[in-house]
Amino acid sequence: QVQLVESGGGLVQAGGSLRLSCAASGSISGIVSMGWFRQAPRKQRELVARITSSGSTNYADSVKGRFTISRENAVYLQMNSLKPEDTAVYYCATEWRPGTYDSWGQGTQVTVSS
């Protein structure tokens, strides 16, 4: 069972930047993709960014041009020009089968003040 650990969240002013990291213990070879999700209070969890095993990326419209997902020895989410509406708990997850995210981290809180 792969374990995912997120880090890098915190409190930042609007317009600022944060870089989230997701470290995986165990092999993740064979996954379809890794994704960053977020869930704000009283809202559904949403997919923010995704990177496939081949390196292709996808972004939610709300973060295009501001967030960048990348992968080296971990998966990162560089978040620039942050807005108060980006406030949420951010989770990383692995997509082992198309459309199904099976492994999740514990989440990291991102709070953007206005």
PDB file of N, CA and C in Angstrom:
ATOM      1  N   GLN A   1       0.845  -1.186   0.000  1.00  0.00           N
ATOM      2  CA  GLN A   1       0.000   0.000   0.000  1.00  0.00           C
ATOM      3  C   GLN A   1       0.885   1.242   0.000  1.00  0.00           C
ATOM      4  N   VAL A   2       0.655   2.109  -0.974  1.00  0.00           N
ATOM      5  CA  VAL A   2       1.431   3.336  -1.055  1.00  0.00           C
ATOM      6  C   VAL A   2       0.895   4.338  -0.042  1.00  0.00           C
ATOM      7  N   GLN A   3       1.808   5.010   0.633  1.00  0.00           N
ATOM      8  CA  GLN A   3       1.423   6.095   1.543  1.00  0.00           C
ATOM      9  C   GLN A   3       1.899   7.411   0.956  1.00  0.00           C
ATOM     10  N   LEU A   4       1.035   8.396   1.005  1.00  0.00           N
ATOM     11  CA  LEU A   4       1.343   9.714   0.469  1.00  0.00           C
ATOM     12  C   LEU A   4       1.353  10.729   1.613  1.00  0.00           C
ATOM     13  N   VAL A   5       2.338  11.608   1.591  1.00  0.00           N
ATOM     14  CA  VAL A   5       2.448  12.626   2.633  1.00  0.00           C
ATOM     15  C   VAL A   5       2.614  13.984   1.963  1.00  0.00           C
ATOM     16  N   GLU A   6       1.664  14.876   2.244  1.00  0.00           N
ATOM     17  CA  GLU A   6       1.734  16.221   1.693  1.00  0.00           C
ATOM     18  C   GLU A   6       2.416  17.157   2.688  1.00  0.00           C
ATOM     19  N   SER A   7       3.031  18.188   2.156  1.00  0.00           N
ATOM     20  CA  SER A   7       3.623  19.228   2.996  1.00  0.00           C
ATOM     21  C   SER A   7       3.667  20.522   2.205  1.00  0.00           C
ATOM     22  N   GLY A   8       3.935  21.614   2.917  1.00  0.00           N
ATOM     23  CA  GLY A   8       4.109  22.891   2.239  1.00  0.00           C
ATOM     24  C   GLY A   8       2.954  23.862   2.377  1.00  0.00           C
ATOM     25  N   GLY A   9       1.881  23.432   3.006  1.00  0.00           N
ATOM     26  CA  GLY A   9       0.761  24.343   3.183  1.00  0.00           C
ATOM     27  C   GLY A   9       1.087  25.415   4.207  1.00  0.00           C
ATOM     28  N   GLY A  10       0.189  26.385   4.325  1.00  0.00           N
ATOM     29  CA  GLY A  10       0.389  27.443   5.298  1.00  0.00           C
ATOM     30  C   GLY A  10      -0.521  28.609   5.040  1.00  0.00           C
ATOM     31  N   LEU A  11      -0.209  29.703   5.708  1.00  0.00           N
ATOM     32  CA  LEU A  11      -0.982  30.942   5.579  1.00  0.00           C
ATOM     33  C   LEU A  11      -0.191  31.915   4.716  1.00  0.00           C
ATOM     34  N   VAL A  12      -0.853  32.479   3.722  1.00  0.00           N
ATOM     35  CA  VAL A  12      -0.194  33.407   2.815  1.00  0.00           C
ATOM     36  C   VAL A  12      -1.176  34.507   2.443  1.00  0.00           C
ATOM     37  N   GLN A  13      -0.665  35.665   2.143  1.00  0.00           N
ATOM     38  CA  GLN A  13      -1.518  36.759   1.709  1.00  0.00           C
ATOM     39  C   GLN A  13      -1.899  36.581   0.241  1.00  0.00           C
ATOM     40  N   ALA A  14      -3.011  37.164  -0.132  1.00  0.00           N
ATOM     41  CA  ALA A  14      -3.434  37.129  -1.532  1.00  0.00           C
ATOM     42  C   ALA A  14      -2.326  37.679  -2.420  1.00  0.00           C
ATOM     43  N   GLY A  15      -2.102  36.992  -3.534  1.00  0.00           N
ATOM     44  CA  GLY A  15      -1.032  37.367  -4.433  1.00  0.00           C
ATOM     45  C   GLY A  15       0.266  36.626  -4.181  1.00  0.00           C
ATOM     46  N   GLY A  16       0.341  35.955  -3.058  1.00  0.00           N
ATOM     47  CA  GLY A  16       1.545  35.230  -2.699  1.00  0.00           C
ATOM     48  C   GLY A  16       1.625  33.861  -3.349  1.00  0.00           C
ATOM     49  N   SER A  17       2.657  33.115  -2.955  1.00  0.00           N
ATOM     50  CA  SER A  17       2.925  31.798  -3.540  1.00  0.00           C
ATOM     51  C   SER A  17       3.194  30.770  -2.457  1.00  0.00           C
ATOM     52  N   LEU A  18       2.896  29.535  -2.790  1.00  0.00           N
ATOM     53  CA  LEU A  18       3.244  28.389  -1.966  1.00  0.00           C
ATOM     54  C   LEU A  18       3.612  27.236  -2.890  1.00  0.00           C
ATOM     55  N   ARG A  19       4.431  26.345  -2.373  1.00  0.00           N
ATOM     56  CA  ARG A  19       4.777  25.139  -3.126  1.00  0.00           C
ATOM     57  C   ARG A  19       4.447  23.932  -2.274  1.00  0.00           C
ATOM     58  N   LEU A  20       3.529  23.133  -2.735  1.00  0.00           N
ATOM     59  CA  LEU A  20       3.148  21.912  -2.029  1.00  0.00           C
ATOM     60  C   LEU A  20       3.963  20.741  -2.562  1.00  0.00           C
ATOM     61  N   SER A  21       4.262  19.822  -1.668  1.00  0.00           N
ATOM     62  CA  SER A  21       4.991  18.612  -2.035  1.00  0.00           C
ATOM     63  C   SER A  21       4.190  17.388  -1.631  1.00  0.00           C
ATOM     64  N   CYS A  22       4.323  16.346  -2.404  1.00  0.00           N
ATOM     65  CA  CYS A  22       3.678  15.068  -2.100  1.00  0.00           C
ATOM     66  C   CYS A  22       4.717  13.984  -2.266  1.00  0.00           C
ATOM     67  N   ALA A  23       5.092  13.364  -1.151  1.00  0.00           N
ATOM     68  CA  ALA A  23       6.076  12.293  -1.174  1.00  0.00           C
ATOM     69  C   ALA A  23       5.370  10.962  -1.020  1.00  0.00           C
ATOM     70  N   ALA A  24       5.809   9.998  -1.818  1.00  0.00           N
ATOM     71  CA  ALA A  24       5.204   8.668  -1.794  1.00  0.00           C
ATOM     72  C   ALA A  24       6.186   7.648  -1.227  1.00  0.00           C
ATOM     73  N   SER A  25       5.702   6.841  -0.313  1.00  0.00           N
ATOM     74  CA  SER A  25       6.501   5.707   0.160  1.00  0.00           C
ATOM     75  C   SER A  25       5.954   4.457  -0.502  1.00  0.00           C
ATOM     76  N   GLY A  26       6.839   3.682  -1.085  1.00  0.00           N
ATOM     77  CA  GLY A  26       6.393   2.545  -1.861  1.00  0.00           C
ATOM     78  C   GLY A  26       6.417   2.881  -3.341  1.00  0.00           C
ATOM     79  N   SER A  27       6.334   1.847  -4.129  1.00  0.00           N
ATOM     80  CA  SER A  27       6.425   2.030  -5.568  1.00  0.00           C
ATOM     81  C   SER A  27       5.143   2.588  -6.144  1.00  0.00           C
ATOM     82  N   ILE A  28       5.296   3.570  -7.010  1.00  0.00           N
ATOM     83  CA  ILE A  28       4.138   4.100  -7.737  1.00  0.00           C
ATOM     84  C   ILE A  28       4.311   3.874  -9.236  1.00  0.00           C
ATOM     85  N   SER A  29       5.186   2.966  -9.581  1.00  0.00           N
ATOM     86  CA  SER A  29       5.316   2.638 -11.003  1.00  0.00           C
ATOM     87  C   SER A  29       4.024   1.957 -11.452  1.00  0.00           C
ATOM     88  N   GLY A  30       3.582   2.288 -12.609  1.00  0.00           N
ATOM     89  CA  GLY A  30       2.353   1.703 -13.116  1.00  0.00           C
ATOM     90  C   GLY A  30       1.104   2.532 -12.893  1.00  0.00           C
ATOM     91  N   ILE A  31       1.244   3.666 -12.184  1.00  0.00           N
ATOM     92  CA  ILE A  31       0.064   4.495 -11.988  1.00  0.00           C
ATOM     93  C   ILE A  31      -0.305   5.192 -13.293  1.00  0.00           C
ATOM     94  N   VAL A  32      -1.540   5.577 -13.391  1.00  0.00           N
ATOM     95  CA  VAL A  32      -1.999   6.352 -14.536  1.00  0.00           C
ATOM     96  C   VAL A  32      -1.579   7.812 -14.363  1.00  0.00           C
ATOM     97  N   SER A  33      -1.782   8.327 -13.167  1.00  0.00           N
ATOM     98  CA  SER A  33      -1.440   9.723 -12.910  1.00  0.00           C
ATOM     99  C   SER A  33      -1.383   9.976 -11.418  1.00  0.00           C
ATOM    100  N   MET A  34      -0.912  11.165 -11.079  1.00  0.00           N
ATOM    101  CA  MET A  34      -1.054  11.672  -9.716  1.00  0.00           C
ATOM    102  C   MET A  34      -1.788  12.998  -9.807  1.00  0.00           C
ATOM    103  N   GLY A  35      -2.632  13.212  -8.831  1.00  0.00           N
ATOM    104  CA  GLY A  35      -3.427  14.421  -8.859  1.00  0.00           C
ATOM    105  C   GLY A  35      -3.365  15.190  -7.558  1.00  0.00           C
ATOM    106  N   TRP A  36      -3.577  16.488  -7.664  1.00  0.00           N
ATOM    107  CA  TRP A  36      -3.772  17.346  -6.505  1.00  0.00           C
ATOM    108  C   TRP A  36      -5.247  17.741  -6.484  1.00  0.00           C
ATOM    109  N   PHE A  37      -5.869  17.509  -5.353  1.00  0.00           N
ATOM    110  CA  PHE A  37      -7.255  17.875  -5.127  1.00  0.00           C
ATOM    111  C   PHE A  37      -7.306  18.914  -4.014  1.00  0.00           C
ATOM    112  N   ARG A  38      -8.435  19.565  -3.913  1.00  0.00           N
ATOM    113  CA  ARG A  38      -8.648  20.455  -2.775  1.00  0.00           C
ATOM    114  C   ARG A  38     -10.111  20.393  -2.344  1.00  0.00           C
ATOM    115  N   GLN A  39     -10.312  20.655  -1.068  1.00  0.00           N
ATOM    116  CA  GLN A  39     -11.670  20.697  -0.534  1.00  0.00           C
ATOM    117  C   GLN A  39     -11.783  21.862   0.426  1.00  0.00           C
ATOM    118  N   ALA A  40     -12.646  22.786   0.082  1.00  0.00           N
ATOM    119  CA  ALA A  40     -12.927  23.925   0.937  1.00  0.00           C
ATOM    120  C   ALA A  40     -14.135  23.594   1.809  1.00  0.00           C
ATOM    121  N   PRO A  41     -14.291  24.297   2.921  1.00  0.00           N
ATOM    122  CA  PRO A  41     -15.441  24.040   3.801  1.00  0.00           C
ATOM    123  C   PRO A  41     -16.760  24.134   3.040  1.00  0.00           C
ATOM    124  N   ARG A  42     -17.593  23.154   3.252  1.00  0.00           N
ATOM    125  CA  ARG A  42     -18.954  23.112   2.676  1.00  0.00           C
ATOM    126  C   ARG A  42     -18.942  23.004   1.149  1.00  0.00           C
ATOM    127  N   LYS A  43     -17.803  22.572   0.593  1.00  0.00           N
ATOM    128  CA  LYS A  43     -17.722  22.387  -0.852  1.00  0.00           C
ATOM    129  C   LYS A  43     -17.236  20.978  -1.157  1.00  0.00           C
ATOM    130  N   GLN A  44     -17.534  20.535  -2.365  1.00  0.00           N
ATOM    131  CA  GLN A  44     -17.070  19.215  -2.778  1.00  0.00           C
ATOM    132  C   GLN A  44     -15.586  19.239  -3.099  1.00  0.00           C
ATOM    133  N   ARG A  45     -14.960  18.090  -2.941  1.00  0.00           N
ATOM    134  CA  ARG A  45     -13.566  17.976  -3.326  1.00  0.00           C
ATOM    135  C   ARG A  45     -13.456  18.124  -4.840  1.00  0.00           C
ATOM    136  N   GLU A  46     -12.460  18.863  -5.292  1.00  0.00           N
ATOM    137  CA  GLU A  46     -12.280  19.069  -6.726  1.00  0.00           C
ATOM    138  C   GLU A  46     -10.850  18.781  -7.142  1.00  0.00           C
ATOM    139  N   LEU A  47     -10.702  18.285  -8.351  1.00  0.00           N
ATOM    140  CA  LEU A  47      -9.390  18.036  -8.925  1.00  0.00           C
ATOM    141  C   LEU A  47      -8.813  19.356  -9.403  1.00  0.00           C
ATOM    142  N   VAL A  48      -7.640  19.689  -8.915  1.00  0.00           N
ATOM    143  CA  VAL A  48      -6.991  20.949  -9.239  1.00  0.00           C
ATOM    144  C   VAL A  48      -5.998  20.772 -10.376  1.00  0.00           C
ATOM    145  N   ALA A  49      -5.178  19.741 -10.282  1.00  0.00           N
ATOM    146  CA  ALA A  49      -4.138  19.503 -11.281  1.00  0.00           C
ATOM    147  C   ALA A  49      -3.812  18.022 -11.304  1.00  0.00           C
ATOM    148  N   ARG A  50      -3.339  17.584 -12.455  1.00  0.00           N
ATOM    149  CA  ARG A  50      -3.069  16.158 -12.645  1.00  0.00           C
ATOM    150  C   ARG A  50      -1.862  16.029 -13.553  1.00  0.00           C
ATOM    151  N   ILE A  51      -1.007  15.058 -13.256  1.00  0.00           N
ATOM    152  CA  ILE A  51       0.124  14.780 -14.125  1.00  0.00           C
ATOM    153  C   ILE A  51       0.151  13.276 -14.382  1.00  0.00           C
ATOM    154  N   THR A  52       0.197  12.898 -15.649  1.00  0.00           N
ATOM    155  CA  THR A  52       0.172  11.485 -16.002  1.00  0.00           C
ATOM    156  C   THR A  52       1.573  10.879 -15.938  1.00  0.00           C
ATOM    157  N   SER A  53       1.630   9.578 -16.086  1.00  0.00           N
ATOM    158  CA  SER A  53       2.920   8.882 -16.049  1.00  0.00           C
ATOM    159  C   SER A  53       3.821   9.323 -17.195  1.00  0.00           C
ATOM    160  N   SER A  54       3.236   9.829 -18.266  1.00  0.00           N
ATOM    161  CA  SER A  54       4.027  10.300 -19.412  1.00  0.00           C
ATOM    162  C   SER A  54       4.384  11.775 -19.296  1.00  0.00           C
ATOM    163  N   GLY A  55       3.870  12.436 -18.252  1.00  0.00           N
ATOM    164  CA  GLY A  55       4.211  13.833 -18.033  1.00  0.00           C
ATOM    165  C   GLY A  55       3.182  14.833 -18.522  1.00  0.00           C
ATOM    166  N   SER A  56       2.098  14.367 -19.093  1.00  0.00           N
ATOM    167  CA  SER A  56       1.043  15.284 -19.521  1.00  0.00           C
ATOM    168  C   SER A  56       0.343  15.876 -18.309  1.00  0.00           C
ATOM    169  N   THR A  57      -0.078  17.118 -18.435  1.00  0.00           N
ATOM    170  CA  THR A  57      -0.707  17.795 -17.308  1.00  0.00           C
ATOM    171  C   THR A  57      -2.092  18.323 -17.676  1.00  0.00           C
ATOM    172  N   ASN A  58      -2.940  18.403 -16.655  1.00  0.00           N
ATOM    173  CA  ASN A  58      -4.268  18.990 -16.800  1.00  0.00           C
ATOM    174  C   ASN A  58      -4.524  19.858 -15.590  1.00  0.00           C
ATOM    175  N   TYR A  59      -5.296  20.923 -15.792  1.00  0.00           N
ATOM    176  CA  TYR A  59      -5.594  21.852 -14.700  1.00  0.00           C
ATOM    177  C   TYR A  59      -7.075  22.224 -14.706  1.00  0.00           C
ATOM    178  N   ALA A  60      -7.575  22.492 -13.519  1.00  0.00           N
ATOM    179  CA  ALA A  60      -8.901  23.072 -13.422  1.00  0.00           C
ATOM    180  C   ALA A  60      -8.846  24.484 -13.992  1.00  0.00           C
ATOM    181  N   ASP A  61      -9.944  24.916 -14.607  1.00  0.00           N
ATOM    182  CA  ASP A  61      -9.967  26.254 -15.198  1.00  0.00           C
ATOM    183  C   ASP A  61      -9.633  27.334 -14.181  1.00  0.00           C
ATOM    184  N   SER A  62     -10.043  27.123 -12.952  1.00  0.00           N
ATOM    185  CA  SER A  62      -9.863  28.143 -11.917  1.00  0.00           C
ATOM    186  C   SER A  62      -8.400  28.379 -11.545  1.00  0.00           C
ATOM    187  N   VAL A  63      -7.517  27.461 -11.915  1.00  0.00           N
ATOM    188  CA  VAL A  63      -6.108  27.610 -11.530  1.00  0.00           C
ATOM    189  C   VAL A  63      -5.169  27.692 -12.728  1.00  0.00           C
ATOM    190  N   LYS A  64      -5.689  27.561 -13.922  1.00  0.00           N
ATOM    191  CA  LYS A  64      -4.832  27.616 -15.109  1.00  0.00           C
ATOM    192  C   LYS A  64      -4.072  28.928 -15.154  1.00  0.00           C
ATOM    193  N   GLY A  65      -2.784  28.833 -15.457  1.00  0.00           N
ATOM    194  CA  GLY A  65      -1.944  30.017 -15.526  1.00  0.00           C
ATOM    195  C   GLY A  65      -1.379  30.445 -14.184  1.00  0.00           C
ATOM    196  N   ARG A  66      -1.880  29.858 -13.107  1.00  0.00           N
ATOM    197  CA  ARG A  66      -1.384  30.222 -11.767  1.00  0.00           C
ATOM    198  C   ARG A  66      -0.708  29.051 -11.064  1.00  0.00           C
ATOM    199  N   PHE A  67      -1.192  27.850 -11.290  1.00  0.00           N
ATOM    200  CA  PHE A  67      -0.651  26.654 -10.637  1.00  0.00           C
ATOM    201  C   PHE A  67       0.113  25.817 -11.659  1.00  0.00           C
ATOM    202  N   THR A  68       1.171  25.169 -11.166  1.00  0.00           N
ATOM    203  CA  THR A  68       1.946  24.266 -12.017  1.00  0.00           C
ATOM    204  C   THR A  68       2.230  22.986 -11.257  1.00  0.00           C
ATOM    205  N   ILE A  69       1.887  21.860 -11.853  1.00  0.00           N
ATOM    206  CA  ILE A  69       2.182  20.564 -11.267  1.00  0.00           C
ATOM    207  C   ILE A  69       3.433  20.012 -11.934  1.00  0.00           C
ATOM    208  N   SER A  70       4.306  19.406 -11.143  1.00  0.00           N
ATOM    209  CA  SER A  70       5.526  18.832 -11.688  1.00  0.00           C
ATOM    210  C   SER A  70       5.885  17.593 -10.885  1.00  0.00           C
ATOM    211  N   ARG A  71       6.844  16.858 -11.430  1.00  0.00           N
ATOM    212  CA  ARG A  71       7.206  15.578 -10.817  1.00  0.00           C
ATOM    213  C   ARG A  71       8.693  15.369 -10.953  1.00  0.00           C
ATOM    214  N   GLU A  72       9.345  15.123  -9.820  1.00  0.00           N
ATOM    215  CA  GLU A  72      10.755  14.713  -9.831  1.00  0.00           C
ATOM    216  C   GLU A  72      10.831  13.515  -8.907  1.00  0.00           C
ATOM    217  N   ASN A  73      11.411  13.660  -7.752  1.00  0.00           N
ATOM    218  CA  ASN A  73      11.370  12.564  -6.790  1.00  0.00           C
ATOM    219  C   ASN A  73      10.129  12.642  -5.920  1.00  0.00           C
ATOM    220  N   ALA A  74       9.321  13.635  -6.149  1.00  0.00           N
ATOM    221  CA  ALA A  74       8.028  13.799  -5.498  1.00  0.00           C
ATOM    222  C   ALA A  74       7.141  14.538  -6.502  1.00  0.00           C
ATOM    223  N   VAL A  75       5.913  14.753  -6.133  1.00  0.00           N
ATOM    224  CA  VAL A  75       5.026  15.542  -6.985  1.00  0.00           C
ATOM    225  C   VAL A  75       4.794  16.885  -6.302  1.00  0.00           C
ATOM    226  N   TYR A  76       4.907  17.940  -7.072  1.00  0.00           N
ATOM    227  CA  TYR A  76       4.833  19.284  -6.533  1.00  0.00           C
ATOM    228  C   TYR A  76       3.667  20.051  -7.154  1.00  0.00           C
ATOM    229  N   LEU A  77       3.195  21.007  -6.395  1.00  0.00           N
ATOM    230  CA  LEU A  77       2.199  21.930  -6.913  1.00  0.00           C
ATOM    231  C   LEU A  77       2.667  23.346  -6.562  1.00  0.00           C
ATOM    232  N   GLN A  78       3.162  24.040  -7.562  1.00  0.00           N
ATOM    233  CA  GLN A  78       3.571  25.423  -7.382  1.00  0.00           C
ATOM    234  C   GLN A  78       2.346  26.302  -7.578  1.00  0.00           C
ATOM    235  N   MET A  79       2.024  27.074  -6.558  1.00  0.00           N
ATOM    236  CA  MET A  79       0.818  27.903  -6.593  1.00  0.00           C
ATOM    237  C   MET A  79       1.226  29.366  -6.507  1.00  0.00           C
ATOM    238  N   ASN A  80       0.953  30.098  -7.550  1.00  0.00           N
ATOM    239  CA  ASN A  80       1.280  31.521  -7.605  1.00  0.00           C
ATOM    240  C   ASN A  80       0.006  32.351  -7.687  1.00  0.00           C
ATOM    241  N   SER A  81       0.146  33.627  -7.427  1.00  0.00           N
ATOM    242  CA  SER A  81      -0.990  34.552  -7.498  1.00  0.00           C
ATOM    243  C   SER A  81      -2.189  34.001  -6.735  1.00  0.00           C
ATOM    244  N   LEU A  82      -1.952  33.572  -5.534  1.00  0.00           N
ATOM    245  CA  LEU A  82      -3.002  32.925  -4.752  1.00  0.00           C
ATOM    246  C   LEU A  82      -4.126  33.896  -4.415  1.00  0.00           C
ATOM    247  N   LYS A  83      -5.333  33.344  -4.374  1.00  0.00           N
ATOM    248  CA  LYS A  83      -6.532  34.116  -4.089  1.00  0.00           C
ATOM    249  C   LYS A  83      -7.210  33.540  -2.840  1.00  0.00           C
ATOM    250  N   PRO A  84      -7.998  34.344  -2.155  1.00  0.00           N
ATOM    251  CA  PRO A  84      -8.716  33.804  -0.980  1.00  0.00           C
ATOM    252  C   PRO A  84      -9.555  32.569  -1.321  1.00  0.00           C
ATOM    253  N   GLU A  85     -10.068  32.494  -2.521  1.00  0.00           N
ATOM    254  CA  GLU A  85     -10.886  31.342  -2.895  1.00  0.00           C
ATOM    255  C   GLU A  85     -10.053  30.071  -3.104  1.00  0.00           C
ATOM    256  N   ASP A  86      -8.742  30.178  -3.061  1.00  0.00           N
ATOM    257  CA  ASP A  86      -7.892  28.991  -3.113  1.00  0.00           C
ATOM    258  C   ASP A  86      -7.758  28.332  -1.739  1.00  0.00           C
ATOM    259  N   THR A  87      -8.294  28.974  -0.719  1.00  0.00           N
ATOM    260  CA  THR A  87      -8.235  28.417   0.623  1.00  0.00           C
ATOM    261  C   THR A  87      -8.953  27.078   0.677  1.00  0.00           C
ATOM    262  N   ALA A  88      -8.237  26.056   1.148  1.00  0.00           N
ATOM    263  CA  ALA A  88      -8.794  24.701   1.185  1.00  0.00           C
ATOM    264  C   ALA A  88      -7.755  23.771   1.800  1.00  0.00           C
ATOM    265  N   VAL A  89      -8.186  22.555   2.059  1.00  0.00           N
ATOM    266  CA  VAL A  89      -7.238  21.482   2.359  1.00  0.00           C
ATOM    267  C   VAL A  89      -6.867  20.834   1.028  1.00  0.00           C
ATOM    268  N   TYR A  90      -5.580  20.714   0.784  1.00  0.00           N
ATOM    269  CA  TYR A  90      -5.091  20.154  -0.464  1.00  0.00           C
ATOM    270  C   TYR A  90      -4.581  18.733  -0.224  1.00  0.00           C
ATOM    271  N   TYR A  91      -4.987  17.841  -1.117  1.00  0.00           N
ATOM    272  CA  TYR A  91      -4.639  16.439  -1.021  1.00  0.00           C
ATOM    273  C   TYR A  91      -3.960  15.991  -2.314  1.00  0.00           C
ATOM    274  N   CYS A  92      -2.999  15.070  -2.184  1.00  0.00           N
ATOM    275  CA  CYS A  92      -2.514  14.398  -3.381  1.00  0.00           C
ATOM    276  C   CYS A  92      -3.055  12.973  -3.381  1.00  0.00           C
ATOM    277  N   ALA A  93      -3.148  12.407  -4.567  1.00  0.00           N
ATOM    278  CA  ALA A  93      -3.720  11.084  -4.710  1.00  0.00           C
ATOM    279  C   ALA A  93      -3.165  10.423  -5.956  1.00  0.00           C
ATOM    280  N   THR A  94      -3.168   9.102  -5.942  1.00  0.00           N
ATOM    281  CA  THR A  94      -2.686   8.338  -7.094  1.00  0.00           C
ATOM    282  C   THR A  94      -3.854   7.701  -7.831  1.00  0.00           C
ATOM    283  N   GLU A  95      -3.760   7.752  -9.153  1.00  0.00           N
ATOM    284  CA  GLU A  95      -4.764   7.149 -10.023  1.00  0.00           C
ATOM    285  C   GLU A  95      -4.174   5.857 -10.554  1.00  0.00           C
ATOM    286  N   TRP A  96      -4.611   4.739  -9.972  1.00  0.00           N
ATOM    287  CA  TRP A  96      -4.091   3.450 -10.396  1.00  0.00           C
ATOM    288  C   TRP A  96      -4.884   2.887 -11.571  1.00  0.00           C
ATOM    289  N   ARG A  97      -6.150   3.117 -11.551  1.00  0.00           N
ATOM    290  CA  ARG A  97      -7.019   2.710 -12.650  1.00  0.00           C
ATOM    291  C   ARG A  97      -7.682   3.966 -13.190  1.00  0.00           C
ATOM    292  N   PRO A  98      -7.872   4.062 -14.500  1.00  0.00           N
ATOM    293  CA  PRO A  98      -8.452   5.284 -15.064  1.00  0.00           C
ATOM    294  C   PRO A  98      -9.732   5.699 -14.357  1.00  0.00           C
ATOM    295  N   GLY A  99      -9.733   6.919 -13.857  1.00  0.00           N
ATOM    296  CA  GLY A  99     -10.908   7.470 -13.212  1.00  0.00           C
ATOM    297  C   GLY A  99     -11.043   7.161 -11.738  1.00  0.00           C
ATOM    298  N   THR A 100     -10.115   6.400 -11.196  1.00  0.00           N
ATOM    299  CA  THR A 100     -10.212   6.010  -9.782  1.00  0.00           C
ATOM    300  C   THR A 100      -8.939   6.381  -9.043  1.00  0.00           C
ATOM    301  N   TYR A 101      -9.093   7.229  -8.031  1.00  0.00           N
ATOM    302  CA  TYR A 101      -7.965   7.602  -7.184  1.00  0.00           C
ATOM    303  C   TYR A 101      -8.053   6.778  -5.906  1.00  0.00           C
ATOM    304  N   ASP A 102      -7.053   5.922  -5.712  1.00  0.00           N
ATOM    305  CA  ASP A 102      -7.141   4.930  -4.648  1.00  0.00           C
ATOM    306  C   ASP A 102      -6.369   5.295  -3.394  1.00  0.00           C
ATOM    307  N   SER A 103      -5.243   5.955  -3.547  1.00  0.00           N
ATOM    308  CA  SER A 103      -4.400   6.283  -2.406  1.00  0.00           C
ATOM    309  C   SER A 103      -4.429   7.791  -2.193  1.00  0.00           C
ATOM    310  N   TRP A 104      -4.618   8.179  -0.937  1.00  0.00           N
ATOM    311  CA  TRP A 104      -4.727   9.594  -0.598  1.00  0.00           C
ATOM    312  C   TRP A 104      -3.803   9.950   0.550  1.00  0.00           C
ATOM    313  N   GLY A 105      -3.320  11.176   0.512  1.00  0.00           N
ATOM    314  CA  GLY A 105      -2.568  11.683   1.644  1.00  0.00           C
ATOM    315  C   GLY A 105      -3.513  12.240   2.700  1.00  0.00           C
ATOM    316  N   GLN A 106      -2.936  12.768   3.768  1.00  0.00           N
ATOM    317  CA  GLN A 106      -3.740  13.281   4.883  1.00  0.00           C
ATOM    318  C   GLN A 106      -4.185  14.721   4.654  1.00  0.00           C
ATOM    319  N   GLY A 107      -3.582  15.379   3.673  1.00  0.00           N
ATOM    320  CA  GLY A 107      -3.954  16.749   3.352  1.00  0.00           C
ATOM    321  C   GLY A 107      -3.085  17.781   4.031  1.00  0.00           C
ATOM    322  N   THR A 108      -3.000  18.942   3.410  1.00  0.00           N
ATOM    323  CA  THR A 108      -2.278  20.070   3.977  1.00  0.00           C
ATOM    324  C   THR A 108      -3.126  21.329   3.774  1.00  0.00           C
ATOM    325  N   GLN A 109      -3.232  22.117   4.830  1.00  0.00           N
ATOM    326  CA  GLN A 109      -4.107  23.287   4.803  1.00  0.00           C
ATOM    327  C   GLN A 109      -3.419  24.451   4.111  1.00  0.00           C
ATOM    328  N   VAL A 110      -4.132  25.070   3.193  1.00  0.00           N
ATOM    329  CA  VAL A 110      -3.689  26.305   2.559  1.00  0.00           C
ATOM    330  C   VAL A 110      -4.728  27.380   2.873  1.00  0.00           C
ATOM    331  N   THR A 111      -4.263  28.462   3.457  1.00  0.00           N
ATOM    332  CA  THR A 111      -5.153  29.574   3.788  1.00  0.00           C
ATOM    333  C   THR A 111      -4.608  30.846   3.157  1.00  0.00           C
ATOM    334  N   VAL A 112      -5.435  31.494   2.368  1.00  0.00           N
ATOM    335  CA  VAL A 112      -5.043  32.724   1.685  1.00  0.00           C
ATOM    336  C   VAL A 112      -5.862  33.866   2.257  1.00  0.00           C
ATOM    337  N   SER A 113      -5.187  34.819   2.848  1.00  0.00           N
ATOM    338  CA  SER A 113      -5.884  35.951   3.443  1.00  0.00           C
ATOM    339  C   SER A 113      -5.988  37.094   2.441  1.00  0.00           C
ATOM    340  N   SER A 114      -7.057  37.849   2.570  1.00  0.00           N
ATOM    341  CA  SER A 114      -7.277  38.967   1.633  1.00  0.00           C
ATOM    342  C   SER A 114      -6.670  40.254   2.152  1.00  0.00           C
TER     343      SER A 114
END
